Amino acid sequence: MQSLLDQVGGSRIVNRTVSEFYQAIGRHLSSFESCDHKKQQSRQARFLNHALSAQPEPIHSARASFLAQGLDSPLFGALLEFIEARLIELGFTCQLSRRLVETAGDLYLSCEQDLSIAC
């Protein structure tokens, strides 16, 4: 069975969609905020690629917890909403888009938020 990452076209699609999200919000950011958001963009793309990969039990992965550290929760939530809508625009089914967002969101919530650090 293909991973969710494979079903949406691989990391290329995920990375591009995360980049589109940051381009869309970038118009509303100061130069200071933009610097921080470049770090968030990179970390969020890596987290999503990991969460959607074919790893047998990503919820128990130390890498998932590491990647979740420093992610801005409201920004990550906004990114997931953007991705869900964008995948549907790209022609993916609502079910696949919703499953992808739920998988990534559940993994994020299962990571130890108490350890979040500034990026």
Protein backbone atom coordinates (compact mmCIF):
# COMPACT_ATOMS: atom_id res chain seq x y z
CA MET A 1 0.00 0.00 0.00
CA GLN A 2 1.27 3.46 -0.90
CA SER A 3 2.00 5.98 1.82
CA LEU A 4 -0.01 9.19 1.96
CA LEU A 5 3.11 10.97 0.75
CA ASP A 6 3.22 8.78 -2.35
CA GLN A 7 -0.50 9.22 -2.95
CA VAL A 8 -0.15 13.01 -3.21
CA GLY A 9 2.88 12.87 -5.47
CA GLY A 10 5.74 12.77 -3.00
CA SER A 11 7.72 15.36 -1.14
CA ARG A 12 7.82 17.61 -4.19
CA ILE A 13 4.09 18.34 -3.85
CA VAL A 14 4.27 18.74 -0.08
CA ASN A 15 7.26 21.09 -0.26
CA ARG A 16 5.66 23.13 -3.05
CA THR A 17 2.37 23.45 -1.16
CA VAL A 18 4.14 24.54 2.03
CA SER A 19 6.07 27.09 -0.04
CA GLU A 20 2.83 28.37 -1.61
CA PHE A 21 1.37 28.83 1.87
CA TYR A 22 4.33 30.93 2.96
CA GLN A 23 4.25 32.96 -0.23
CA ALA A 24 0.57 33.70 0.42
CA ILE A 25 1.13 34.85 3.99
CA GLY A 26 4.49 36.48 3.24
CA ARG A 27 2.82 39.58 1.90
CA HIS A 28 1.53 40.26 5.40
CA LEU A 29 4.79 39.77 7.31
CA SER A 30 7.49 42.16 8.39
CA SER A 31 11.09 41.36 7.43
CA PHE A 32 11.73 40.16 11.00
CA GLU A 33 8.75 37.79 10.85
CA SER A 34 9.80 36.56 7.40
CA CYS A 35 13.14 35.39 8.78
CA ASP A 36 11.42 33.30 11.46
CA HIS A 37 8.93 31.98 8.96
CA LYS A 38 11.68 30.64 6.69
CA LYS A 39 12.72 28.39 9.57
CA GLN A 40 9.10 27.41 10.20
CA GLN A 41 8.59 26.64 6.51
CA SER A 42 11.56 24.31 6.41
CA ARG A 43 10.66 22.56 9.66
CA GLN A 44 6.99 22.20 8.72
CA ALA A 45 7.83 20.73 5.32
CA ARG A 46 10.16 18.20 6.95
CA PHE A 47 7.56 17.32 9.58
CA LEU A 48 4.83 16.79 6.97
CA ASN A 49 7.09 14.67 4.78
CA HIS A 50 7.92 12.55 7.79
CA ALA A 51 4.32 12.30 9.00
CA LEU A 52 3.05 11.17 5.61
CA SER A 53 5.89 8.79 4.81
CA ALA A 54 5.67 5.02 4.77
CA GLN A 55 7.31 4.59 8.16
CA PRO A 56 5.44 1.85 10.00
CA GLU A 57 4.81 3.76 13.23
CA PRO A 58 5.62 7.44 12.80
CA ILE A 59 3.69 8.33 15.97
CA HIS A 60 6.37 6.64 18.03
CA SER A 61 9.18 8.24 16.09
CA ALA A 62 11.72 10.35 17.94
CA ARG A 63 12.19 12.22 14.65
CA ALA A 64 8.55 13.35 14.69
CA SER A 65 8.96 14.74 18.19
CA PHE A 66 12.19 16.46 17.20
CA LEU A 67 10.60 18.03 14.11
CA ALA A 68 7.55 19.15 16.09
CA GLN A 69 9.73 21.10 18.50
CA GLY A 70 9.57 24.76 17.67
CA LEU A 71 6.60 24.57 15.34
CA ASP A 72 4.18 27.41 15.88
CA SER A 73 0.84 25.72 16.65
CA PRO A 74 -1.52 28.32 15.14
CA LEU A 75 0.66 28.60 12.05
CA PHE A 76 0.80 24.82 11.68
CA GLY A 77 -3.00 24.66 11.97
CA ALA A 78 -3.37 27.33 9.29
CA LEU A 79 -0.94 25.41 7.08
CA LEU A 80 -3.01 22.22 7.43
CA GLU A 81 -6.17 24.12 6.44
CA PHE A 82 -4.36 25.56 3.44
CA ILE A 83 -3.03 22.15 2.39
CA GLU A 84 -6.45 20.52 2.67
CA ALA A 85 -8.02 23.11 0.37
CA ARG A 86 -5.04 23.23 -2.00
CA LEU A 87 -4.99 19.46 -2.54
CA ILE A 88 -8.67 19.56 -3.46
CA GLU A 89 -7.90 22.39 -5.92
CA LEU A 90 -5.19 20.19 -7.43
CA GLY A 91 -7.74 17.43 -8.04
CA PHE A 92 -7.18 15.14 -5.09
CA THR A 93 -10.25 13.70 -3.39
CA CYS A 94 -11.70 15.29 -0.27
CA GLN A 95 -11.18 12.00 1.55
CA LEU A 96 -7.47 11.87 0.73
CA SER A 97 -6.97 15.52 1.59
CA ARG A 98 -8.82 15.13 4.90
CA ARG A 99 -6.91 11.93 5.75
CA LEU A 100 -3.60 13.62 5.09
CA VAL A 101 -4.48 16.56 7.33
CA GLU A 102 -5.80 14.29 10.09
CA THR A 103 -2.68 12.10 9.96
CA ALA A 104 -0.31 15.07 10.17
CA GLY A 105 -2.43 16.80 12.82
CA ASP A 106 -2.71 13.69 14.98
CA LEU A 107 1.04 13.12 14.83
CA TYR A 108 1.68 16.74 15.74
CA LEU A 109 -0.70 16.55 18.70
CA SER A 110 0.90 13.31 19.92
CA CYS A 111 4.33 14.94 20.11
CA GLU A 112 5.33 16.41 23.44
CA GLN A 113 4.30 20.05 23.13
CA ASP A 114 5.83 20.89 26.51
CA LEU A 115 9.23 20.61 24.89
CA SER A 116 8.53 23.10 22.10
CA ILE A 117 11.35 25.54 21.60
CA ALA A 118 11.68 28.74 19.68
CA CYS A 119 12.99 28.05 16.22
